[in-house]
Amino acid sequence: MNHEEERDRELGTALRRALDPGHDRVFVARVLARIDSAPVAPLFWDLLASWARRGIPAAIMIAALTAFLLALPRQPAANLEDTLAGGTGSGASLITNPAPPDAGALGNTP
């Protein structure tokens, strides 16, 4: 028998001894004795209140920043037609011109 099997048997014996139904009164007595000293989780409302102390000022600041940014004067967005028709030397003439471009301008014609 190797060392691993021996440890498994020791663990199995200890678990059977601890979980034996004859010891349930002892177990219940231990749990009841420690229940008063157990840490208590904070109530749900206490947790929300702790978040609100930081969250409400943050929400007010975000709302004020949003209102400030929306109140700034903005230039109207240009539409596609104005952008293409008003182009100077860009590719706008390729798109708006009804005639195809000159192939000789590409430089690879004989």
PDB file of N, CA and C in Angstrom:
ATOM      1  N   MET A   1       0.852  -1.178   0.000  1.00  0.00           N
ATOM      2  CA  MET A   1       0.000   0.000   0.000  1.00  0.00           C
ATOM      3  C   MET A   1       0.898   1.241   0.000  1.00  0.00           C
ATOM      4  N   ASN A   2       0.584   2.189  -0.900  1.00  0.00           N
ATOM      5  CA  ASN A   2       1.413   3.378  -0.971  1.00  0.00           C
ATOM      6  C   ASN A   2       0.875   4.460  -0.028  1.00  0.00           C
ATOM      7  N   HIS A   3       1.626   5.538   0.029  1.00  0.00           N
ATOM      8  CA  HIS A   3       1.324   6.628   0.974  1.00  0.00           C
ATOM      9  C   HIS A   3      -0.011   7.309   0.658  1.00  0.00           C
ATOM     10  N   GLU A   4      -0.334   7.462  -0.641  1.00  0.00           N
ATOM     11  CA  GLU A   4      -1.575   8.123  -1.049  1.00  0.00           C
ATOM     12  C   GLU A   4      -2.797   7.329  -0.576  1.00  0.00           C
ATOM     13  N   GLU A   5      -2.768   6.031  -0.763  1.00  0.00           N
ATOM     14  CA  GLU A   5      -3.902   5.202  -0.344  1.00  0.00           C
ATOM     15  C   GLU A   5      -4.079   5.250   1.169  1.00  0.00           C
ATOM     16  N   GLU A   6      -2.977   5.293   1.892  1.00  0.00           N
ATOM     17  CA  GLU A   6      -3.057   5.351   3.353  1.00  0.00           C
ATOM     18  C   GLU A   6      -3.680   6.671   3.808  1.00  0.00           C
ATOM     19  N   ARG A   7      -3.290   7.781   3.143  1.00  0.00           N
ATOM     20  CA  ARG A   7      -3.871   9.086   3.498  1.00  0.00           C
ATOM     21  C   ARG A   7      -5.353   9.128   3.159  1.00  0.00           C
ATOM     22  N   ASP A   8      -5.735   8.504   2.035  1.00  0.00           N
ATOM     23  CA  ASP A   8      -7.144   8.462   1.663  1.00  0.00           C
ATOM     24  C   ASP A   8      -7.957   7.675   2.689  1.00  0.00           C
ATOM     25  N   ARG A   9      -7.412   6.590   3.174  1.00  0.00           N
ATOM     26  CA  ARG A   9      -8.128   5.807   4.191  1.00  0.00           C
ATOM     27  C   ARG A   9      -8.242   6.583   5.496  1.00  0.00           C
ATOM     28  N   GLU A  10      -7.180   7.297   5.868  1.00  0.00           N
ATOM     29  CA  GLU A  10      -7.233   8.111   7.090  1.00  0.00           C
ATOM     30  C   GLU A  10      -8.278   9.211   6.953  1.00  0.00           C
ATOM     31  N   LEU A  11      -8.321   9.843   5.791  1.00  0.00           N
ATOM     32  CA  LEU A  11      -9.296  10.903   5.548  1.00  0.00           C
ATOM     33  C   LEU A  11     -10.709  10.337   5.551  1.00  0.00           C
ATOM     34  N   GLY A  12     -10.903   9.203   4.912  1.00  0.00           N
ATOM     35  CA  GLY A  12     -12.222   8.565   4.902  1.00  0.00           C
ATOM     36  C   GLY A  12     -12.684   8.208   6.304  1.00  0.00           C
ATOM     37  N   THR A  13     -11.794   7.692   7.120  1.00  0.00           N
ATOM     38  CA  THR A  13     -12.143   7.345   8.496  1.00  0.00           C
ATOM     39  C   THR A  13     -12.506   8.592   9.292  1.00  0.00           C
ATOM     40  N   ALA A  14     -11.731   9.666   9.121  1.00  0.00           N
ATOM     41  CA  ALA A  14     -12.020  10.915   9.840  1.00  0.00           C
ATOM     42  C   ALA A  14     -13.352  11.508   9.393  1.00  0.00           C
ATOM     43  N   LEU A  15     -13.648  11.448   8.099  1.00  0.00           N
ATOM     44  CA  LEU A  15     -14.932  11.967   7.614  1.00  0.00           C
ATOM     45  C   LEU A  15     -16.102  11.141   8.128  1.00  0.00           C
ATOM     46  N   ARG A  16     -15.960   9.811   8.112  1.00  0.00           N
ATOM     47  CA  ARG A  16     -17.036   8.976   8.632  1.00  0.00           C
ATOM     48  C   ARG A  16     -17.271   9.235  10.117  1.00  0.00           C
ATOM     49  N   ARG A  17     -16.196   9.452  10.847  1.00  0.00           N
ATOM     50  CA  ARG A  17     -16.321   9.721  12.272  1.00  0.00           C
ATOM     51  C   ARG A  17     -17.005  11.075  12.501  1.00  0.00           C
ATOM     52  N   ALA A  18     -16.655  12.096  11.673  1.00  0.00           N
ATOM     53  CA  ALA A  18     -17.230  13.422  11.853  1.00  0.00           C
ATOM     54  C   ALA A  18     -18.685  13.478  11.403  1.00  0.00           C
ATOM     55  N   LEU A  19     -19.028  12.706  10.385  1.00  0.00           N
ATOM     56  CA  LEU A  19     -20.383  12.760   9.837  1.00  0.00           C
ATOM     57  C   LEU A  19     -21.282  11.644  10.353  1.00  0.00           C
ATOM     58  N   ASP A  20     -20.848  10.929  11.344  1.00  0.00           N
ATOM     59  CA  ASP A  20     -21.634   9.859  11.929  1.00  0.00           C
ATOM     60  C   ASP A  20     -22.913  10.436  12.539  1.00  0.00           C
ATOM     61  N   PRO A  21     -24.081   9.861  12.244  1.00  0.00           N
ATOM     62  CA  PRO A  21     -25.331  10.413  12.774  1.00  0.00           C
ATOM     63  C   PRO A  21     -25.407  10.419  14.303  1.00  0.00           C
ATOM     64  N   GLY A  22     -24.604   9.643  14.958  1.00  0.00           N
ATOM     65  CA  GLY A  22     -24.619   9.631  16.409  1.00  0.00           C
ATOM     66  C   GLY A  22     -24.075  10.923  17.015  1.00  0.00           C
ATOM     67  N   HIS A  23     -23.362  11.721  16.242  1.00  0.00           N
ATOM     68  CA  HIS A  23     -22.747  12.948  16.748  1.00  0.00           C
ATOM     69  C   HIS A  23     -23.532  14.199  16.390  1.00  0.00           C
ATOM     70  N   ASP A  24     -24.730  14.065  15.841  1.00  0.00           N
ATOM     71  CA  ASP A  24     -25.439  15.242  15.372  1.00  0.00           C
ATOM     72  C   ASP A  24     -25.847  16.171  16.517  1.00  0.00           C
ATOM     73  N   ARG A  25     -26.098  15.628  17.708  1.00  0.00           N
ATOM     74  CA  ARG A  25     -26.434  16.505  18.844  1.00  0.00           C
ATOM     75  C   ARG A  25     -25.235  17.360  19.248  1.00  0.00           C
ATOM     76  N   VAL A  26     -24.068  16.768  19.205  1.00  0.00           N
ATOM     77  CA  VAL A  26     -22.847  17.508  19.534  1.00  0.00           C
ATOM     78  C   VAL A  26     -22.615  18.602  18.491  1.00  0.00           C
ATOM     79  N   PHE A  27     -22.822  18.250  17.225  1.00  0.00           N
ATOM     80  CA  PHE A  27     -22.627  19.223  16.150  1.00  0.00           C
ATOM     81  C   PHE A  27     -23.617  20.382  16.283  1.00  0.00           C
ATOM     82  N   VAL A  28     -24.862  20.076  16.513  1.00  0.00           N
ATOM     83  CA  VAL A  28     -25.881  21.130  16.654  1.00  0.00           C
ATOM     84  C   VAL A  28     -25.557  22.011  17.853  1.00  0.00           C
ATOM     85  N   ALA A  29     -25.095  21.425  18.923  1.00  0.00           N
ATOM     86  CA  ALA A  29     -24.750  22.212  20.113  1.00  0.00           C
ATOM     87  C   ALA A  29     -23.580  23.150  19.815  1.00  0.00           C
ATOM     88  N   ARG A  30     -22.587  22.670  19.047  1.00  0.00           N
ATOM     89  CA  ARG A  30     -21.458  23.533  18.693  1.00  0.00           C
ATOM     90  C   ARG A  30     -21.878  24.684  17.801  1.00  0.00           C
ATOM     91  N   VAL A  31     -22.752  24.399  16.845  1.00  0.00           N
ATOM     92  CA  VAL A  31     -23.212  25.460  15.940  1.00  0.00           C
ATOM     93  C   VAL A  31     -24.014  26.495  16.716  1.00  0.00           C
ATOM     94  N   LEU A  32     -24.903  26.059  17.567  1.00  0.00           N
ATOM     95  CA  LEU A  32     -25.717  27.002  18.345  1.00  0.00           C
ATOM     96  C   LEU A  32     -24.869  27.807  19.319  1.00  0.00           C
ATOM     97  N   ALA A  33     -23.800  27.221  19.825  1.00  0.00           N
ATOM     98  CA  ALA A  33     -22.931  27.953  20.740  1.00  0.00           C
ATOM     99  C   ALA A  33     -22.158  29.054  20.011  1.00  0.00           C
ATOM    100  N   ARG A  34     -21.837  28.836  18.748  1.00  0.00           N
ATOM    101  CA  ARG A  34     -21.055  29.823  17.995  1.00  0.00           C
ATOM    102  C   ARG A  34     -21.911  30.807  17.199  1.00  0.00           C
ATOM    103  N   ILE A  35     -23.205  30.621  17.186  1.00  0.00           N
ATOM    104  CA  ILE A  35     -24.042  31.456  16.323  1.00  0.00           C
ATOM    105  C   ILE A  35     -24.045  32.918  16.757  1.00  0.00           C
ATOM    106  N   ASP A  36     -23.901  33.193  18.035  1.00  0.00           N
ATOM    107  CA  ASP A  36     -23.886  34.581  18.503  1.00  0.00           C
ATOM    108  C   ASP A  36     -22.578  35.288  18.159  1.00  0.00           C
ATOM    109  N   SER A  37     -21.517  34.540  18.005  1.00  0.00           N
ATOM    110  CA  SER A  37     -20.231  35.166  17.700  1.00  0.00           C
ATOM    111  C   SER A  37     -19.952  35.221  16.202  1.00  0.00           C
ATOM    112  N   ALA A  38     -20.861  34.723  15.376  1.00  0.00           N
ATOM    113  CA  ALA A  38     -20.650  34.722  13.924  1.00  0.00           C
ATOM    114  C   ALA A  38     -20.779  36.147  13.384  1.00  0.00           C
ATOM    115  N   PRO A  39     -19.958  36.504  12.396  1.00  0.00           N
ATOM    116  CA  PRO A  39     -20.085  37.840  11.801  1.00  0.00           C
ATOM    117  C   PRO A  39     -21.408  37.957  11.038  1.00  0.00           C
ATOM    118  N   VAL A  40     -22.010  39.112  11.139  1.00  0.00           N
ATOM    119  CA  VAL A  40     -23.302  39.343  10.495  1.00  0.00           C
ATOM    120  C   VAL A  40     -23.074  40.176   9.235  1.00  0.00           C
ATOM    121  N   ALA A  41     -23.663  39.734   8.139  1.00  0.00           N
ATOM    122  CA  ALA A  41     -23.553  40.478   6.885  1.00  0.00           C
ATOM    123  C   ALA A  41     -24.368  41.760   6.998  1.00  0.00           C
ATOM    124  N   PRO A  42     -23.899  42.835   6.377  1.00  0.00           N
ATOM    125  CA  PRO A  42     -24.665  44.082   6.428  1.00  0.00           C
ATOM    126  C   PRO A  42     -26.001  43.919   5.717  1.00  0.00           C
ATOM    127  N   LEU A  43     -26.974  44.641   6.186  1.00  0.00           N
ATOM    128  CA  LEU A  43     -28.282  44.585   5.555  1.00  0.00           C
ATOM    129  C   LEU A  43     -28.223  45.168   4.152  1.00  0.00           C
ATOM    130  N   PHE A  44     -29.157  44.772   3.335  1.00  0.00           N
ATOM    131  CA  PHE A  44     -29.205  45.214   1.947  1.00  0.00           C
ATOM    132  C   PHE A  44     -29.297  46.730   1.856  1.00  0.00           C
ATOM    133  N   TRP A  45     -30.117  47.335   2.681  1.00  0.00           N
ATOM    134  CA  TRP A  45     -30.303  48.781   2.619  1.00  0.00           C
ATOM    135  C   TRP A  45     -29.056  49.522   3.091  1.00  0.00           C
ATOM    136  N   ASP A  46     -28.346  48.948   4.054  1.00  0.00           N
ATOM    137  CA  ASP A  46     -27.094  49.565   4.502  1.00  0.00           C
ATOM    138  C   ASP A  46     -26.066  49.582   3.375  1.00  0.00           C
ATOM    139  N   LEU A  47     -26.021  48.500   2.600  1.00  0.00           N
ATOM    140  CA  LEU A  47     -25.096  48.425   1.485  1.00  0.00           C
ATOM    141  C   LEU A  47     -25.460  49.463   0.427  1.00  0.00           C
ATOM    142  N   LEU A  48     -26.755  49.588   0.109  1.00  0.00           N
ATOM    143  CA  LEU A  48     -27.172  50.599  -0.865  1.00  0.00           C
ATOM    144  C   LEU A  48     -26.879  52.010  -0.362  1.00  0.00           C
ATOM    145  N   ALA A  49     -27.070  52.236   0.911  1.00  0.00           N
ATOM    146  CA  ALA A  49     -26.800  53.564   1.468  1.00  0.00           C
ATOM    147  C   ALA A  49     -25.316  53.908   1.361  1.00  0.00           C
ATOM    148  N   SER A  50     -24.451  52.936   1.556  1.00  0.00           N
ATOM    149  CA  SER A  50     -23.020  53.221   1.430  1.00  0.00           C
ATOM    150  C   SER A  50     -22.656  53.543  -0.020  1.00  0.00           C
ATOM    151  N   TRP A  51     -23.320  52.917  -0.976  1.00  0.00           N
ATOM    152  CA  TRP A  51     -23.078  53.242  -2.378  1.00  0.00           C
ATOM    153  C   TRP A  51     -23.631  54.620  -2.723  1.00  0.00           C
ATOM    154  N   ALA A  52     -24.751  54.976  -2.131  1.00  0.00           N
ATOM    155  CA  ALA A  52     -25.399  56.243  -2.465  1.00  0.00           C
ATOM    156  C   ALA A  52     -24.542  57.428  -2.039  1.00  0.00           C
ATOM    157  N   ARG A  53     -23.771  57.285  -0.993  1.00  0.00           N
ATOM    158  CA  ARG A  53     -22.922  58.391  -0.537  1.00  0.00           C
ATOM    159  C   ARG A  53     -21.945  58.819  -1.619  1.00  0.00           C
ATOM    160  N   ARG A  54     -21.487  57.874  -2.420  1.00  0.00           N
ATOM    161  CA  ARG A  54     -20.577  58.202  -3.517  1.00  0.00           C
ATOM    162  C   ARG A  54     -21.314  58.350  -4.831  1.00  0.00           C
ATOM    163  N   GLY A  55     -22.381  57.600  -5.009  1.00  0.00           N
ATOM    164  CA  GLY A  55     -23.070  57.552  -6.293  1.00  0.00           C
ATOM    165  C   GLY A  55     -23.880  58.788  -6.620  1.00  0.00           C
ATOM    166  N   ILE A  56     -24.544  59.371  -5.629  1.00  0.00           N
ATOM    167  CA  ILE A  56     -25.378  60.546  -5.890  1.00  0.00           C
ATOM    168  C   ILE A  56     -24.532  61.742  -6.330  1.00  0.00           C
ATOM    169  N   PRO A  57     -23.447  62.076  -5.645  1.00  0.00           N
ATOM    170  CA  PRO A  57     -22.614  63.183  -6.154  1.00  0.00           C
ATOM    171  C   PRO A  57     -22.019  62.885  -7.534  1.00  0.00           C
ATOM    172  N   ALA A  58     -21.654  61.662  -7.782  1.00  0.00           N
ATOM    173  CA  ALA A  58     -21.107  61.313  -9.095  1.00  0.00           C
ATOM    174  C   ALA A  58     -22.175  61.478 -10.180  1.00  0.00           C
ATOM    175  N   ALA A  59     -23.398  61.073  -9.901  1.00  0.00           N
ATOM    176  CA  ALA A  59     -24.479  61.222 -10.876  1.00  0.00           C
ATOM    177  C   ALA A  59     -24.784  62.696 -11.132  1.00  0.00           C
ATOM    178  N   ILE A  60     -24.723  63.518 -10.091  1.00  0.00           N
ATOM    179  CA  ILE A  60     -24.956  64.953 -10.262  1.00  0.00           C
ATOM    180  C   ILE A  60     -23.867  65.565 -11.133  1.00  0.00           C
ATOM    181  N   MET A  61     -22.621  65.169 -10.902  1.00  0.00           N
ATOM    182  CA  MET A  61     -21.517  65.702 -11.710  1.00  0.00           C
ATOM    183  C   MET A  61     -21.636  65.274 -13.175  1.00  0.00           C
ATOM    184  N   ILE A  62     -22.019  64.033 -13.420  1.00  0.00           N
ATOM    185  CA  ILE A  62     -22.181  63.556 -14.795  1.00  0.00           C
ATOM    186  C   ILE A  62     -23.327  64.286 -15.479  1.00  0.00           C
ATOM    187  N   ALA A  63     -24.431  64.509 -14.758  1.00  0.00           N
ATOM    188  CA  ALA A  63     -25.561  65.237 -15.336  1.00  0.00           C
ATOM    189  C   ALA A  63     -25.176  66.679 -15.651  1.00  0.00           C
ATOM    190  N   ALA A  64     -24.412  67.322 -14.772  1.00  0.00           N
ATOM    191  CA  ALA A  64     -23.992  68.704 -15.020  1.00  0.00           C
ATOM    192  C   ALA A  64     -23.052  68.770 -16.220  1.00  0.00           C
ATOM    193  N   LEU A  65     -22.123  67.836 -16.331  1.00  0.00           N
ATOM    194  CA  LEU A  65     -21.211  67.807 -17.468  1.00  0.00           C
ATOM    195  C   LEU A  65     -21.975  67.574 -18.774  1.00  0.00           C
ATOM    196  N   THR A  66     -22.942  66.679 -18.746  1.00  0.00           N
ATOM    197  CA  THR A  66     -23.752  66.412 -19.936  1.00  0.00           C
ATOM    198  C   THR A  66     -24.531  67.656 -20.344  1.00  0.00           C
ATOM    199  N   ALA A  67     -25.147  68.336 -19.378  1.00  0.00           N
ATOM    200  CA  ALA A  67     -25.896  69.555 -19.681  1.00  0.00           C
ATOM    201  C   ALA A  67     -24.970  70.630 -20.253  1.00  0.00           C
ATOM    202  N   PHE A  68     -23.768  70.757 -19.708  1.00  0.00           N
ATOM    203  CA  PHE A  68     -22.803  71.735 -20.206  1.00  0.00           C
ATOM    204  C   PHE A  68     -22.417  71.434 -21.651  1.00  0.00           C
ATOM    205  N   LEU A  69     -22.128  70.168 -21.933  1.00  0.00           N
ATOM    206  CA  LEU A  69     -21.719  69.793 -23.289  1.00  0.00           C
ATOM    207  C   LEU A  69     -22.860  69.960 -24.286  1.00  0.00           C
ATOM    208  N   LEU A  70     -24.085  69.695 -23.864  1.00  0.00           N
ATOM    209  CA  LEU A  70     -25.217  69.880 -24.763  1.00  0.00           C
ATOM    210  C   LEU A  70     -25.526  71.353 -25.001  1.00  0.00           C
ATOM    211  N   ALA A  71     -25.171  72.208 -24.070  1.00  0.00           N
ATOM    212  CA  ALA A  71     -25.442  73.636 -24.208  1.00  0.00           C
ATOM    213  C   ALA A  71     -24.398  74.346 -25.074  1.00  0.00           C
ATOM    214  N   LEU A  72     -23.279  73.721 -25.348  1.00  0.00           N
ATOM    215  CA  LEU A  72     -22.259  74.342 -26.187  1.00  0.00           C
ATOM    216  C   LEU A  72     -22.782  74.532 -27.610  1.00  0.00           C
ATOM    217  N   PRO A  73     -22.434  75.660 -28.248  1.00  0.00           N
ATOM    218  CA  PRO A  73     -22.877  75.838 -29.634  1.00  0.00           C
ATOM    219  C   PRO A  73     -22.145  74.856 -30.546  1.00  0.00           C
ATOM    220  N   ARG A  74     -22.903  74.287 -31.442  1.00  0.00           N
ATOM    221  CA  ARG A  74     -22.310  73.308 -32.361  1.00  0.00           C
ATOM    222  C   ARG A  74     -22.564  73.740 -33.789  1.00  0.00           C
ATOM    223  N   GLN A  75     -21.630  73.402 -34.674  1.00  0.00           N
ATOM    224  CA  GLN A  75     -21.826  73.660 -36.093  1.00  0.00           C
ATOM    225  C   GLN A  75     -22.681  72.539 -36.660  1.00  0.00           C
ATOM    226  N   PRO A  76     -23.560  72.896 -37.578  1.00  0.00           N
ATOM    227  CA  PRO A  76     -24.383  71.829 -38.160  1.00  0.00           C
ATOM    228  C   PRO A  76     -23.502  70.862 -38.949  1.00  0.00           C
ATOM    229  N   ALA A  77     -23.849  69.631 -38.892  1.00  0.00           N
ATOM    230  CA  ALA A  77     -23.078  68.619 -39.615  1.00  0.00           C
ATOM    231  C   ALA A  77     -23.302  68.778 -41.107  1.00  0.00           C
ATOM    232  N   ALA A  78     -22.238  68.694 -41.875  1.00  0.00           N
ATOM    233  CA  ALA A  78     -22.340  68.817 -43.331  1.00  0.00           C
ATOM    234  C   ALA A  78     -22.888  67.516 -43.890  1.00  0.00           C
ATOM    235  N   ASN A  79     -23.767  67.661 -44.893  1.00  0.00           N
ATOM    236  CA  ASN A  79     -24.274  66.445 -45.510  1.00  0.00           C
ATOM    237  C   ASN A  79     -23.319  65.995 -46.612  1.00  0.00           C
ATOM    238  N   LEU A  80     -23.554  64.847 -47.173  1.00  0.00           N
ATOM    239  CA  LEU A  80     -22.640  64.250 -48.132  1.00  0.00           C
ATOM    240  C   LEU A  80     -22.581  65.054 -49.434  1.00  0.00           C
ATOM    241  N   GLU A  81     -23.718  65.575 -49.879  1.00  0.00           N
ATOM    242  CA  GLU A  81     -23.728  66.344 -51.128  1.00  0.00           C
ATOM    243  C   GLU A  81     -22.863  67.591 -51.022  1.00  0.00           C
ATOM    244  N   ASP A  82     -22.983  68.330 -49.909  1.00  0.00           N
ATOM    245  CA  ASP A  82     -22.177  69.535 -49.738  1.00  0.00           C
ATOM    246  C   ASP A  82     -20.689  69.195 -49.667  1.00  0.00           C
ATOM    247  N   THR A  83     -20.371  68.123 -49.048  1.00  0.00           N
ATOM    248  CA  THR A  83     -18.973  67.729 -48.921  1.00  0.00           C
ATOM    249  C   THR A  83     -18.398  67.364 -50.283  1.00  0.00           C
ATOM    250  N   LEU A  84     -19.138  66.602 -51.076  1.00  0.00           N
ATOM    251  CA  LEU A  84     -18.626  66.161 -52.377  1.00  0.00           C
ATOM    252  C   LEU A  84     -18.592  67.301 -53.389  1.00  0.00           C
ATOM    253  N   ALA A  85     -19.613  68.154 -53.403  1.00  0.00           N
ATOM    254  CA  ALA A  85     -19.671  69.234 -54.387  1.00  0.00           C
ATOM    255  C   ALA A  85     -18.668  70.335 -54.076  1.00  0.00           C
ATOM    256  N   GLY A  86     -18.343  70.548 -52.834  1.00  0.00           N
ATOM    257  CA  GLY A  86     -17.448  71.634 -52.459  1.00  0.00           C
ATOM    258  C   GLY A  86     -16.008  71.232 -52.376  1.00  0.00           C
ATOM    259  N   GLY A  87     -15.668  70.039 -52.815  1.00  0.00           N
ATOM    260  CA  GLY A  87     -14.290  69.578 -52.710  1.00  0.00           C
ATOM    261  C   GLY A  87     -13.366  70.319 -53.646  1.00  0.00           C
ATOM    262  N   THR A  88     -12.169  70.578 -53.189  1.00  0.00           N
ATOM    263  CA  THR A  88     -11.174  71.251 -54.022  1.00  0.00           C
ATOM    264  C   THR A  88      -9.980  70.330 -54.181  1.00  0.00           C
ATOM    265  N   GLY A  89      -9.890  69.702 -55.354  1.00  0.00           N
ATOM    266  CA  GLY A  89      -8.741  68.858 -55.631  1.00  0.00           C
ATOM    267  C   GLY A  89      -8.784  67.504 -54.943  1.00  0.00           C
ATOM    268  N   SER A  90      -9.806  67.229 -54.238  1.00  0.00           N
ATOM    269  CA  SER A  90      -9.887  65.916 -53.600  1.00  0.00           C
ATOM    270  C   SER A  90     -10.547  64.946 -54.563  1.00  0.00           C
ATOM    271  N   GLY A  91     -11.021  63.867 -54.099  1.00  0.00           N
ATOM    272  CA  GLY A  91     -11.665  62.886 -54.962  1.00  0.00           C
ATOM    273  C   GLY A  91     -13.105  63.215 -55.262  1.00  0.00           C
ATOM    274  N   ALA A  92     -13.573  64.410 -54.874  1.00  0.00           N
ATOM    275  CA  ALA A  92     -14.976  64.752 -55.078  1.00  0.00           C
ATOM    276  C   ALA A  92     -15.320  64.831 -56.553  1.00  0.00           C
ATOM    277  N   SER A  93     -14.411  65.299 -57.386  1.00  0.00           N
ATOM    278  CA  SER A  93     -14.721  65.418 -58.812  1.00  0.00           C
ATOM    279  C   SER A  93     -14.871  64.054 -59.468  1.00  0.00           C
ATOM    280  N   LEU A  94     -14.213  63.051 -58.949  1.00  0.00           N
ATOM    281  CA  LEU A  94     -14.365  61.707 -59.498  1.00  0.00           C
ATOM    282  C   LEU A  94     -15.766  61.175 -59.257  1.00  0.00           C
ATOM    283  N   ILE A  95     -16.359  61.565 -58.192  1.00  0.00           N
ATOM    284  CA  ILE A  95     -17.676  61.040 -57.854  1.00  0.00           C
ATOM    285  C   ILE A  95     -18.777  61.880 -58.475  1.00  0.00           C
ATOM    286  N   THR A  96     -18.629  63.195 -58.497  1.00  0.00           N
ATOM    287  CA  THR A  96     -19.705  64.068 -58.961  1.00  0.00           C
ATOM    288  C   THR A  96     -19.649  64.344 -60.457  1.00  0.00           C
ATOM    289  N   ASN A  97     -18.545  64.126 -61.129  1.00  0.00           N
ATOM    290  CA  ASN A  97     -18.406  64.404 -62.544  1.00  0.00           C
ATOM    291  C   ASN A  97     -19.112  63.318 -63.346  1.00  0.00           C
ATOM    292  N   PRO A  98     -20.009  63.702 -64.310  1.00  0.00           N
ATOM    293  CA  PRO A  98     -20.707  62.674 -65.086  1.00  0.00           C
ATOM    294  C   PRO A  98     -19.789  61.975 -66.093  1.00  0.00           C
ATOM    295  N   ALA A  99     -18.669  62.586 -66.503  1.00  0.00           N
ATOM    296  CA  ALA A  99     -17.749  61.972 -67.465  1.00  0.00           C
ATOM    297  C   ALA A  99     -16.695  61.168 -66.712  1.00  0.00           C
ATOM    298  N   PRO A 100     -16.278  60.036 -67.269  1.00  0.00           N
ATOM    299  CA  PRO A 100     -15.243  59.250 -66.592  1.00  0.00           C
ATOM    300  C   PRO A 100     -13.906  59.991 -66.628  1.00  0.00           C
ATOM    301  N   PRO A 101     -12.991  59.678 -65.743  1.00  0.00           N
ATOM    302  CA  PRO A 101     -11.701  60.351 -65.726  1.00  0.00           C
ATOM    303  C   PRO A 101     -10.856  59.967 -66.941  1.00  0.00           C
ATOM    304  N   ASP A 102      -9.904  60.801 -67.278  1.00  0.00           N
ATOM    305  CA  ASP A 102      -9.018  60.570 -68.409  1.00  0.00           C
ATOM    306  C   ASP A 102      -8.022  59.481 -68.060  1.00  0.00           C
ATOM    307  N   ALA A 103      -7.967  58.461 -68.866  1.00  0.00           N
ATOM    308  CA  ALA A 103      -7.070  57.347 -68.580  1.00  0.00           C
ATOM    309  C   ALA A 103      -5.621  57.725 -68.803  1.00  0.00           C
ATOM    310  N   GLY A 104      -5.362  58.725 -69.622  1.00  0.00           N
ATOM    311  CA  GLY A 104      -4.005  59.151 -69.879  1.00  0.00           C
ATOM    312  C   GLY A 104      -3.346  59.777 -68.654  1.00  0.00           C
ATOM    313  N   ALA A 105      -4.135  60.226 -67.740  1.00  0.00           N
ATOM    314  CA  ALA A 105      -3.588  60.853 -66.542  1.00  0.00           C
ATOM    315  C   ALA A 105      -2.951  59.840 -65.628  1.00  0.00           C
ATOM    316  N   LEU A 106      -3.234  58.575 -65.846  1.00  0.00           N
ATOM    317  CA  LEU A 106      -2.665  57.542 -64.993  1.00  0.00           C
ATOM    318  C   LEU A 106      -1.208  57.269 -65.313  1.00  0.00           C
ATOM    319  N   GLY A 107      -0.755  57.583 -66.543  1.00  0.00           N
ATOM    320  CA  GLY A 107       0.641  57.485 -66.881  1.00  0.00           C
ATOM    321  C   GLY A 107       1.080  56.137 -67.383  1.00  0.00           C
ATOM    322  N   ASN A 108       0.235  55.141 -67.492  1.00  0.00           N
ATOM    323  CA  ASN A 108       0.688  53.844 -67.960  1.00  0.00           C
ATOM    324  C   ASN A 108       0.103  53.497 -69.318  1.00  0.00           C
ATOM    325  N   THR A 109      -0.257  54.498 -70.114  1.00  0.00           N
ATOM    326  CA  THR A 109      -0.772  54.235 -71.457  1.00  0.00           C
ATOM    327  C   THR A 109       0.360  54.368 -72.465  1.00  0.00           C
ATOM    328  N   PRO A 110       0.369  53.572 -73.586  1.00  0.00           N
ATOM    329  CA  PRO A 110       1.475  53.642 -74.558  1.00  0.00           C
ATOM    330  C   PRO A 110       1.500  54.901 -75.368  1.00  0.00           C
TER     331      PRO A 110
END
